[in-house]
């Protein structure tokens, strides 16, 4: 089955999935963007999205690879979970932004 439902989870202080949520839809594709404040909320949102039929989840660069693994472990194995990654040079700049 071709990809038609994608979820992107953004982590930032003060984000709440009840408020910070958007959908982009076309005849063939739906992207859901949801804001969360922490890992625990991201896991709950990912589980909710899995139940509603999302086929792929991507996490913003504010999540570590270890956190992406934690999200992945809480979902059916049929739903890939990825995380935006940066080059080693960019990681230092990202660390300052998320300090």
PDB file of N, CA and C in Angstrom:
ATOM      1  N   UNK A   1       0.856  -1.177   0.000  1.00  0.00           N
ATOM      2  CA  UNK A   1       0.000   0.000   0.000  1.00  0.00           C
ATOM      3  C   UNK A   1       0.898   1.235   0.000  1.00  0.00           C
ATOM      4  N   UNK A   2       0.696   2.167  -0.923  1.00  0.00           N
ATOM      5  CA  UNK A   2       1.529   3.367  -0.958  1.00  0.00           C
ATOM      6  C   UNK A   2       1.261   4.273   0.246  1.00  0.00           C
ATOM      7  N   UNK A   3       2.279   5.010   0.611  1.00  0.00           N
ATOM      8  CA  UNK A   3       2.171   5.937   1.737  1.00  0.00           C
ATOM      9  C   UNK A   3       1.131   7.014   1.439  1.00  0.00           C
ATOM     10  N   UNK A   4       0.197   7.168   2.374  1.00  0.00           N
ATOM     11  CA  UNK A   4      -0.830   8.199   2.206  1.00  0.00           C
ATOM     12  C   UNK A   4      -1.125   8.944   3.503  1.00  0.00           C
ATOM     13  N   UNK A   5      -0.570   8.459   4.640  1.00  0.00           N
ATOM     14  CA  UNK A   5      -0.818   9.118   5.940  1.00  0.00           C
ATOM     15  C   UNK A   5       0.490   9.209   6.713  1.00  0.00           C
ATOM     16  N   UNK A   6       0.935  10.434   6.954  1.00  0.00           N
ATOM     17  CA  UNK A   6       2.225  10.726   7.561  1.00  0.00           C
ATOM     18  C   UNK A   6       2.019  11.646   8.760  1.00  0.00           C
ATOM     19  N   UNK A   7       2.752  11.384   9.843  1.00  0.00           N
ATOM     20  CA  UNK A   7       2.685  12.243  11.033  1.00  0.00           C
ATOM     21  C   UNK A   7       4.065  12.778  11.354  1.00  0.00           C
ATOM     22  N   UNK A   8       4.135  14.076  11.616  1.00  0.00           N
ATOM     23  CA  UNK A   8       5.367  14.737  12.031  1.00  0.00           C
ATOM     24  C   UNK A   8       5.139  15.299  13.428  1.00  0.00           C
ATOM     25  N   UNK A   9       6.006  14.929  14.374  1.00  0.00           N
ATOM     26  CA  UNK A   9       5.860  15.385  15.755  1.00  0.00           C
ATOM     27  C   UNK A   9       6.986  16.369  16.073  1.00  0.00           C
ATOM     28  N   UNK A  10       6.599  17.550  16.506  1.00  0.00           N
ATOM     29  CA  UNK A  10       7.522  18.632  16.840  1.00  0.00           C
ATOM     30  C   UNK A  10       7.537  18.804  18.350  1.00  0.00           C
ATOM     31  N   UNK A  11       8.740  18.899  18.941  1.00  0.00           N
ATOM     32  CA  UNK A  11       8.856  19.069  20.392  1.00  0.00           C
ATOM     33  C   UNK A  11       9.366  20.471  20.707  1.00  0.00           C
ATOM     34  N   UNK A  12       8.631  21.175  21.562  1.00  0.00           N
ATOM     35  CA  UNK A  12       9.031  22.507  22.001  1.00  0.00           C
ATOM     36  C   UNK A  12       8.335  22.824  23.324  1.00  0.00           C
ATOM     37  N   UNK A  13       8.975  23.613  24.173  1.00  0.00           N
ATOM     38  CA  UNK A  13       8.355  23.971  25.455  1.00  0.00           C
ATOM     39  C   UNK A  13       6.992  24.631  25.245  1.00  0.00           C
ATOM     40  N   UNK A  14       6.029  24.193  26.017  1.00  0.00           N
ATOM     41  CA  UNK A  14       4.699  24.791  25.969  1.00  0.00           C
ATOM     42  C   UNK A  14       3.770  24.239  24.906  1.00  0.00           C
ATOM     43  N   UNK A  15       4.267  23.361  24.035  1.00  0.00           N
ATOM     44  CA  UNK A  15       3.379  22.784  23.026  1.00  0.00           C
ATOM     45  C   UNK A  15       2.452  21.760  23.666  1.00  0.00           C
ATOM     46  N   UNK A  16       1.212  21.787  23.231  1.00  0.00           N
ATOM     47  CA  UNK A  16       0.206  20.833  23.684  1.00  0.00           C
ATOM     48  C   UNK A  16      -0.485  20.258  22.447  1.00  0.00           C
ATOM     49  N   UNK A  17      -0.582  18.937  22.336  1.00  0.00           N
ATOM     50  CA  UNK A  17      -1.187  18.353  21.143  1.00  0.00           C
ATOM     51  C   UNK A  17      -2.655  18.714  20.948  1.00  0.00           C
ATOM     52  N   UNK A  18      -3.313  19.134  22.020  1.00  0.00           N
ATOM     53  CA  UNK A  18      -4.714  19.545  21.878  1.00  0.00           C
ATOM     54  C   UNK A  18      -4.834  20.892  21.173  1.00  0.00           C
ATOM     55  N   UNK A  19      -3.787  21.699  21.249  1.00  0.00           N
ATOM     56  CA  UNK A  19      -3.808  23.046  20.684  1.00  0.00           C
ATOM     57  C   UNK A  19      -2.922  23.149  19.446  1.00  0.00           C
ATOM     58  N   UNK A  20      -1.748  22.567  19.508  1.00  0.00           N
ATOM     59  CA  UNK A  20      -0.737  22.724  18.463  1.00  0.00           C
ATOM     60  C   UNK A  20      -0.773  21.528  17.502  1.00  0.00           C
ATOM     61  N   UNK A  21      -1.667  21.634  16.535  1.00  0.00           N
ATOM     62  CA  UNK A  21      -1.933  20.531  15.613  1.00  0.00           C
ATOM     63  C   UNK A  21      -2.418  21.119  14.288  1.00  0.00           C
ATOM     64  N   UNK A  22      -1.932  20.536  13.198  1.00  0.00           N
ATOM     65  CA  UNK A  22      -2.370  20.979  11.872  1.00  0.00           C
ATOM     66  C   UNK A  22      -2.436  19.772  10.939  1.00  0.00           C
ATOM     67  N   UNK A  23      -3.284  19.876   9.938  1.00  0.00           N
ATOM     68  CA  UNK A  23      -3.386  18.823   8.922  1.00  0.00           C
ATOM     69  C   UNK A  23      -3.259  19.456   7.548  1.00  0.00           C
ATOM     70  N   UNK A  24      -2.490  18.797   6.709  1.00  0.00           N
ATOM     71  CA  UNK A  24      -2.380  19.164   5.309  1.00  0.00           C
ATOM     72  C   UNK A  24      -2.950  17.980   4.532  1.00  0.00           C
ATOM     73  N   UNK A  25      -3.937  18.230   3.722  1.00  0.00           N
ATOM     74  CA  UNK A  25      -4.573  17.116   3.028  1.00  0.00           C
ATOM     75  C   UNK A  25      -4.710  17.408   1.548  1.00  0.00           C
ATOM     76  N   UNK A  26      -4.635  16.345   0.790  1.00  0.00           N
ATOM     77  CA  UNK A  26      -4.958  16.385  -0.631  1.00  0.00           C
ATOM     78  C   UNK A  26      -5.791  15.147  -0.923  1.00  0.00           C
ATOM     79  N   UNK A  27      -6.126  14.969  -2.149  1.00  0.00           N
ATOM     80  CA  UNK A  27      -6.907  13.802  -2.533  1.00  0.00           C
ATOM     81  C   UNK A  27      -6.158  12.499  -2.250  1.00  0.00           C
ATOM     82  N   UNK A  28      -4.822  12.572  -2.245  1.00  0.00           N
ATOM     83  CA  UNK A  28      -4.022  11.355  -2.136  1.00  0.00           C
ATOM     84  C   UNK A  28      -3.149  11.259  -0.891  1.00  0.00           C
ATOM     85  N   UNK A  29      -3.052  12.328  -0.097  1.00  0.00           N
ATOM     86  CA  UNK A  29      -2.083  12.309   1.002  1.00  0.00           C
ATOM     87  C   UNK A  29      -2.544  13.195   2.152  1.00  0.00           C
ATOM     88  N   UNK A  30      -2.283  12.733   3.382  1.00  0.00           N
ATOM     89  CA  UNK A  30      -2.571  13.531   4.574  1.00  0.00           C
ATOM     90  C   UNK A  30      -1.317  13.585   5.449  1.00  0.00           C
ATOM     91  N   UNK A  31      -0.917  14.795   5.792  1.00  0.00           N
ATOM     92  CA  UNK A  31       0.180  15.017   6.730  1.00  0.00           C
ATOM     93  C   UNK A  31      -0.408  15.649   7.974  1.00  0.00           C
ATOM     94  N   UNK A  32      -0.117  15.057   9.126  1.00  0.00           N
ATOM     95  CA  UNK A  32      -0.550  15.610  10.405  1.00  0.00           C
ATOM     96  C   UNK A  32       0.693  16.085  11.137  1.00  0.00           C
ATOM     97  N   UNK A  33       0.669  17.328  11.606  1.00  0.00           N
ATOM     98  CA  UNK A  33       1.782  17.915  12.347  1.00  0.00           C
ATOM     99  C   UNK A  33       1.271  18.197  13.756  1.00  0.00           C
ATOM    100  N   UNK A  34       1.976  17.665  14.753  1.00  0.00           N
ATOM    101  CA  UNK A  34       1.504  17.786  16.138  1.00  0.00           C
ATOM    102  C   UNK A  34       2.653  18.250  17.023  1.00  0.00           C
ATOM    103  N   UNK A  35       2.376  19.242  17.861  1.00  0.00           N
ATOM    104  CA  UNK A  35       3.364  19.748  18.796  1.00  0.00           C
ATOM    105  C   UNK A  35       3.218  19.100  20.164  1.00  0.00           C
ATOM    106  N   UNK A  36       4.346  18.746  20.758  1.00  0.00           N
ATOM    107  CA  UNK A  36       4.383  18.157  22.102  1.00  0.00           C
ATOM    108  C   UNK A  36       5.479  18.855  22.906  1.00  0.00           C
ATOM    109  N   UNK A  37       5.385  18.749  24.227  1.00  0.00           N
ATOM    110  CA  UNK A  37       6.377  19.388  25.092  1.00  0.00           C
ATOM    111  C   UNK A  37       7.465  18.429  25.564  1.00  0.00           C
ATOM    112  N   UNK A  38       7.199  17.111  25.513  1.00  0.00           N
ATOM    113  CA  UNK A  38       8.186  16.173  26.057  1.00  0.00           C
ATOM    114  C   UNK A  38       8.023  14.788  25.452  1.00  0.00           C
ATOM    115  N   UNK A  39       8.925  13.906  25.803  1.00  0.00           N
ATOM    116  CA  UNK A  39       8.937  12.553  25.254  1.00  0.00           C
ATOM    117  C   UNK A  39       7.680  11.773  25.616  1.00  0.00           C
ATOM    118  N   UNK A  40       7.244  11.853  26.857  1.00  0.00           N
ATOM    119  CA  UNK A  40       6.057  11.097  27.276  1.00  0.00           C
ATOM    120  C   UNK A  40       4.845  11.478  26.433  1.00  0.00           C
ATOM    121  N   UNK A  41       4.693  12.749  26.177  1.00  0.00           N
ATOM    122  CA  UNK A  41       3.574  13.210  25.345  1.00  0.00           C
ATOM    123  C   UNK A  41       3.758  12.741  23.906  1.00  0.00           C
ATOM    124  N   UNK A  42       4.984  12.738  23.409  1.00  0.00           N
ATOM    125  CA  UNK A  42       5.248  12.261  22.051  1.00  0.00           C
ATOM    126  C   UNK A  42       4.845  10.797  21.907  1.00  0.00           C
ATOM    127  N   UNK A  43       5.133  10.001  22.923  1.00  0.00           N
ATOM    128  CA  UNK A  43       4.756   8.587  22.875  1.00  0.00           C
ATOM    129  C   UNK A  43       3.236   8.443  22.824  1.00  0.00           C
ATOM    130  N   UNK A  44       2.529   9.197  23.661  1.00  0.00           N
ATOM    131  CA  UNK A  44       1.057   9.136  23.643  1.00  0.00           C
ATOM    132  C   UNK A  44       0.507   9.551  22.284  1.00  0.00           C
ATOM    133  N   UNK A  45       1.052  10.629  21.717  1.00  0.00           N
ATOM    134  CA  UNK A  45       0.593  11.111  20.418  1.00  0.00           C
ATOM    135  C   UNK A  45       0.899  10.082  19.330  1.00  0.00           C
ATOM    136  N   UNK A  46       2.072   9.492  19.360  1.00  0.00           N
ATOM    137  CA  UNK A  46       2.435   8.482  18.363  1.00  0.00           C
ATOM    138  C   UNK A  46       1.492   7.287  18.442  1.00  0.00           C
ATOM    139  N   UNK A  47       1.158   6.863  19.653  1.00  0.00           N
ATOM    140  CA  UNK A  47       0.223   5.746  19.810  1.00  0.00           C
ATOM    141  C   UNK A  47      -1.160   6.118  19.271  1.00  0.00           C
ATOM    142  N   UNK A  48      -1.608   7.329  19.557  1.00  0.00           N
ATOM    143  CA  UNK A  48      -2.903   7.810  19.045  1.00  0.00           C
ATOM    144  C   UNK A  48      -2.900   7.826  17.521  1.00  0.00           C
ATOM    145  N   UNK A  49      -1.823   8.320  16.945  1.00  0.00           N
ATOM    146  CA  UNK A  49      -1.728   8.389  15.488  1.00  0.00           C
ATOM    147  C   UNK A  49      -1.673   6.995  14.864  1.00  0.00           C
ATOM    148  N   UNK A  50      -0.987   6.075  15.535  1.00  0.00           N
ATOM    149  CA  UNK A  50      -0.933   4.690  15.046  1.00  0.00           C
ATOM    150  C   UNK A  50      -2.336   4.091  15.009  1.00  0.00           C
ATOM    151  N   UNK A  51      -3.100   4.332  16.061  1.00  0.00           N
ATOM    152  CA  UNK A  51      -4.476   3.812  16.106  1.00  0.00           C
ATOM    153  C   UNK A  51      -5.352   4.441  15.027  1.00  0.00           C
ATOM    154  N   UNK A  52      -5.049   5.685  14.645  1.00  0.00           N
ATOM    155  CA  UNK A  52      -5.889   6.361  13.652  1.00  0.00           C
ATOM    156  C   UNK A  52      -5.426   6.105  12.219  1.00  0.00           C
ATOM    157  N   UNK A  53      -4.383   5.278  12.046  1.00  0.00           N
ATOM    158  CA  UNK A  53      -4.026   4.845  10.705  1.00  0.00           C
ATOM    159  C   UNK A  53      -2.804   5.480  10.072  1.00  0.00           C
ATOM    160  N   UNK A  54      -2.031   6.255  10.836  1.00  0.00           N
ATOM    161  CA  UNK A  54      -0.820   6.799  10.220  1.00  0.00           C
ATOM    162  C   UNK A  54       0.099   5.657   9.825  1.00  0.00           C
ATOM    163  N   UNK A  55       0.851   5.855   8.764  1.00  0.00           N
ATOM    164  CA  UNK A  55       1.731   4.803   8.254  1.00  0.00           C
ATOM    165  C   UNK A  55       3.195   5.067   8.554  1.00  0.00           C
ATOM    166  N   UNK A  56       3.536   6.316   8.888  1.00  0.00           N
ATOM    167  CA  UNK A  56       4.924   6.715   9.091  1.00  0.00           C
ATOM    168  C   UNK A  56       4.946   7.886  10.062  1.00  0.00           C
ATOM    169  N   UNK A  57       5.865   7.840  11.022  1.00  0.00           N
ATOM    170  CA  UNK A  57       6.011   8.929  11.992  1.00  0.00           C
ATOM    171  C   UNK A  57       7.441   9.438  11.927  1.00  0.00           C
ATOM    172  N   UNK A  58       7.568  10.757  11.878  1.00  0.00           N
ATOM    173  CA  UNK A  58       8.883  11.380  11.913  1.00  0.00           C
ATOM    174  C   UNK A  58       8.912  12.356  13.080  1.00  0.00           C
ATOM    175  N   UNK A  59      10.030  12.366  13.793  1.00  0.00           N
ATOM    176  CA  UNK A  59      10.230  13.249  14.942  1.00  0.00           C
ATOM    177  C   UNK A  59      11.187  14.372  14.553  1.00  0.00           C
ATOM    178  N   UNK A  60      10.959  15.561  15.084  1.00  0.00           N
ATOM    179  CA  UNK A  60      11.816  16.694  14.776  1.00  0.00           C
ATOM    180  C   UNK A  60      13.211  16.494  15.382  1.00  0.00           C
ATOM    181  N   UNK A  61      14.125  17.366  15.034  1.00  0.00           N
ATOM    182  CA  UNK A  61      15.503  17.279  15.504  1.00  0.00           C
ATOM    183  C   UNK A  61      15.675  17.507  16.990  1.00  0.00           C
ATOM    184  N   UNK A  62      14.633  17.915  17.684  1.00  0.00           N
ATOM    185  CA  UNK A  62      14.700  18.077  19.136  1.00  0.00           C
ATOM    186  C   UNK A  62      14.691  16.756  19.885  1.00  0.00           C
ATOM    187  N   UNK A  63      14.446  15.671  19.183  1.00  0.00           N
ATOM    188  CA  UNK A  63      14.471  14.337  19.783  1.00  0.00           C
ATOM    189  C   UNK A  63      15.816  13.678  19.485  1.00  0.00           C
ATOM    190  N   UNK A  64      16.352  12.987  20.456  1.00  0.00           N
ATOM    191  CA  UNK A  64      17.579  12.225  20.235  1.00  0.00           C
ATOM    192  C   UNK A  64      17.242  10.903  19.562  1.00  0.00           C
ATOM    193  N   UNK A  65      18.256  10.224  19.059  1.00  0.00           N
ATOM    194  CA  UNK A  65      18.039   8.906  18.476  1.00  0.00           C
ATOM    195  C   UNK A  65      17.529   7.928  19.533  1.00  0.00           C
ATOM    196  N   UNK A  66      18.016   8.058  20.770  1.00  0.00           N
ATOM    197  CA  UNK A  66      17.537   7.191  21.854  1.00  0.00           C
ATOM    198  C   UNK A  66      16.061   7.437  22.123  1.00  0.00           C
ATOM    199  N   UNK A  67      15.631   8.686  22.075  1.00  0.00           N
ATOM    200  CA  UNK A  67      14.213   8.987  22.281  1.00  0.00           C
ATOM    201  C   UNK A  67      13.374   8.456  21.122  1.00  0.00           C
ATOM    202  N   UNK A  68      13.887   8.551  19.906  1.00  0.00           N
ATOM    203  CA  UNK A  68      13.175   7.991  18.763  1.00  0.00           C
ATOM    204  C   UNK A  68      13.008   6.484  18.940  1.00  0.00           C
ATOM    205  N   UNK A  69      14.018   5.831  19.462  1.00  0.00           N
ATOM    206  CA  UNK A  69      13.947   4.391  19.727  1.00  0.00           C
ATOM    207  C   UNK A  69      12.857   4.103  20.763  1.00  0.00           C
ATOM    208  N   UNK A  70      12.759   4.950  21.805  1.00  0.00           N
ATOM    209  CA  UNK A  70      11.723   4.760  22.826  1.00  0.00           C
ATOM    210  C   UNK A  70      10.326   4.872  22.215  1.00  0.00           C
ATOM    211  N   UNK A  71      10.126   5.842  21.337  1.00  0.00           N
ATOM    212  CA  UNK A  71       8.834   5.986  20.668  1.00  0.00           C
ATOM    213  C   UNK A  71       8.566   4.741  19.829  1.00  0.00           C
ATOM    214  N   UNK A  72       9.550   4.331  19.051  1.00  0.00           N
ATOM    215  CA  UNK A  72       9.405   3.171  18.154  1.00  0.00           C
ATOM    216  C   UNK A  72       8.986   1.920  18.931  1.00  0.00           C
ATOM    217  N   UNK A  73       9.556   1.726  20.106  1.00  0.00           N
ATOM    218  CA  UNK A  73       9.262   0.529  20.897  1.00  0.00           C
ATOM    219  C   UNK A  73       7.828   0.491  21.419  1.00  0.00           C
ATOM    220  N   UNK A  74       7.151   1.623  21.423  1.00  0.00           N
ATOM    221  CA  UNK A  74       5.778   1.695  21.926  1.00  0.00           C
ATOM    222  C   UNK A  74       4.729   1.555  20.831  1.00  0.00           C
ATOM    223  N   UNK A  75       5.171   1.296  19.598  1.00  0.00           N
ATOM    224  CA  UNK A  75       4.259   1.232  18.459  1.00  0.00           C
ATOM    225  C   UNK A  75       4.317  -0.129  17.788  1.00  0.00           C
ATOM    226  N   UNK A  76       3.292  -0.428  16.982  1.00  0.00           N
ATOM    227  CA  UNK A  76       3.361  -1.662  16.185  1.00  0.00           C
ATOM    228  C   UNK A  76       4.603  -1.618  15.287  1.00  0.00           C
ATOM    229  N   UNK A  77       5.200  -2.764  15.073  1.00  0.00           N
ATOM    230  CA  UNK A  77       6.440  -2.824  14.285  1.00  0.00           C
ATOM    231  C   UNK A  77       6.227  -2.446  12.821  1.00  0.00           C
ATOM    232  N   UNK A  78       4.983  -2.338  12.395  1.00  0.00           N
ATOM    233  CA  UNK A  78       4.687  -1.984  11.004  1.00  0.00           C
ATOM    234  C   UNK A  78       4.780  -0.484  10.734  1.00  0.00           C
ATOM    235  N   UNK A  79       4.939   0.327  11.783  1.00  0.00           N
ATOM    236  CA  UNK A  79       4.995   1.777  11.596  1.00  0.00           C
ATOM    237  C   UNK A  79       6.429   2.257  11.826  1.00  0.00           C
ATOM    238  N   UNK A  80       7.124   2.669  10.765  1.00  0.00           N
ATOM    239  CA  UNK A  80       8.472   3.184  10.943  1.00  0.00           C
ATOM    240  C   UNK A  80       8.452   4.519  11.690  1.00  0.00           C
ATOM    241  N   UNK A  81       9.466   4.720  12.530  1.00  0.00           N
ATOM    242  CA  UNK A  81       9.643   5.985  13.245  1.00  0.00           C
ATOM    243  C   UNK A  81      11.037   6.487  12.917  1.00  0.00           C
ATOM    244  N   UNK A  82      11.096   7.681  12.381  1.00  0.00           N
ATOM    245  CA  UNK A  82      12.378   8.291  12.057  1.00  0.00           C
ATOM    246  C   UNK A  82      12.553   9.579  12.828  1.00  0.00           C
ATOM    247  N   UNK A  83      13.783  10.059  12.858  1.00  0.00           N
ATOM    248  CA  UNK A  83      14.069  11.330  13.509  1.00  0.00           C
ATOM    249  C   UNK A  83      14.960  12.146  12.588  1.00  0.00           C
ATOM    250  N   UNK A  84      14.671  13.421  12.505  1.00  0.00           N
ATOM    251  CA  UNK A  84      15.509  14.309  11.719  1.00  0.00           C
ATOM    252  C   UNK A  84      16.914  14.250  12.302  1.00  0.00           C
ATOM    253  N   UNK A  85      17.903  14.143  11.449  1.00  0.00           N
ATOM    254  CA  UNK A  85      19.285  14.052  11.914  1.00  0.00           C
ATOM    255  C   UNK A  85      20.110  15.177  11.305  1.00  0.00           C
ATOM    256  N   UNK A  86      21.151  15.551  12.015  1.00  0.00           N
ATOM    257  CA  UNK A  86      22.037  16.619  11.577  1.00  0.00           C
ATOM    258  C   UNK A  86      23.464  16.098  11.509  1.00  0.00           C
ATOM    259  N   UNK A  87      24.272  16.768  10.730  1.00  0.00           N
ATOM    260  CA  UNK A  87      25.685  16.401  10.653  1.00  0.00           C
ATOM    261  C   UNK A  87      26.337  16.696  11.994  1.00  0.00           C
ATOM    262  N   UNK A  88      27.482  16.080  12.280  1.00  0.00           N
ATOM    263  CA  UNK A  88      28.165  16.371  13.547  1.00  0.00           C
ATOM    264  C   UNK A  88      28.432  17.868  13.747  1.00  0.00           C
ATOM    265  N   UNK A  89      28.748  18.573  12.670  1.00  0.00           N
ATOM    266  CA  UNK A  89      29.003  20.017  12.788  1.00  0.00           C
ATOM    267  C   UNK A  89      27.739  20.763  13.228  1.00  0.00           C
ATOM    268  N   UNK A  90      26.597  20.344  12.720  1.00  0.00           N
ATOM    269  CA  UNK A  90      25.342  21.004  13.065  1.00  0.00           C
ATOM    270  C   UNK A  90      24.844  20.613  14.448  1.00  0.00           C
ATOM    271  N   UNK A  91      25.236  19.441  14.922  1.00  0.00           N
ATOM    272  CA  UNK A  91      24.776  18.985  16.241  1.00  0.00           C
ATOM    273  C   UNK A  91      25.220  19.932  17.352  1.00  0.00           C
ATOM    274  N   UNK A  92      26.407  20.494  17.248  1.00  0.00           N
ATOM    275  CA  UNK A  92      26.868  21.450  18.267  1.00  0.00           C
ATOM    276  C   UNK A  92      25.966  22.680  18.292  1.00  0.00           C
ATOM    277  N   UNK A  93      25.603  23.158  17.126  1.00  0.00           N
ATOM    278  CA  UNK A  93      24.694  24.302  17.072  1.00  0.00           C
ATOM    279  C   UNK A  93      23.320  23.938  17.613  1.00  0.00           C
ATOM    280  N   UNK A  94      22.848  22.743  17.300  1.00  0.00           N
ATOM    281  CA  UNK A  94      21.554  22.288  17.810  1.00  0.00           C
ATOM    282  C   UNK A  94      21.597  22.176  19.331  1.00  0.00           C
ATOM    283  N   UNK A  95      22.673  21.677  19.882  1.00  0.00           N
ATOM    284  CA  UNK A  95      22.794  21.534  21.347  1.00  0.00           C
ATOM    285  C   UNK A  95      22.633  22.896  22.015  1.00  0.00           C
ATOM    286  N   UNK A  96      23.186  23.941  21.417  1.00  0.00           N
ATOM    287  CA  UNK A  96      23.038  25.278  22.002  1.00  0.00           C
ATOM    288  C   UNK A  96      21.589  25.741  21.938  1.00  0.00           C
ATOM    289  N   UNK A  97      20.901  25.416  20.864  1.00  0.00           N
ATOM    290  CA  UNK A  97      19.502  25.831  20.732  1.00  0.00           C
ATOM    291  C   UNK A  97      18.588  25.147  21.730  1.00  0.00           C
ATOM    292  N   UNK A  98      18.899  23.889  22.062  1.00  0.00           N
ATOM    293  CA  UNK A  98      18.046  23.111  22.947  1.00  0.00           C
ATOM    294  C   UNK A  98      18.562  23.061  24.378  1.00  0.00           C
ATOM    295  N   UNK A  99      19.555  23.870  24.699  1.00  0.00           N
ATOM    296  CA  UNK A  99      20.125  23.877  26.064  1.00  0.00           C
ATOM    297  C   UNK A  99      19.138  24.393  27.074  1.00  0.00           C
TER     298      UNK A  99
END
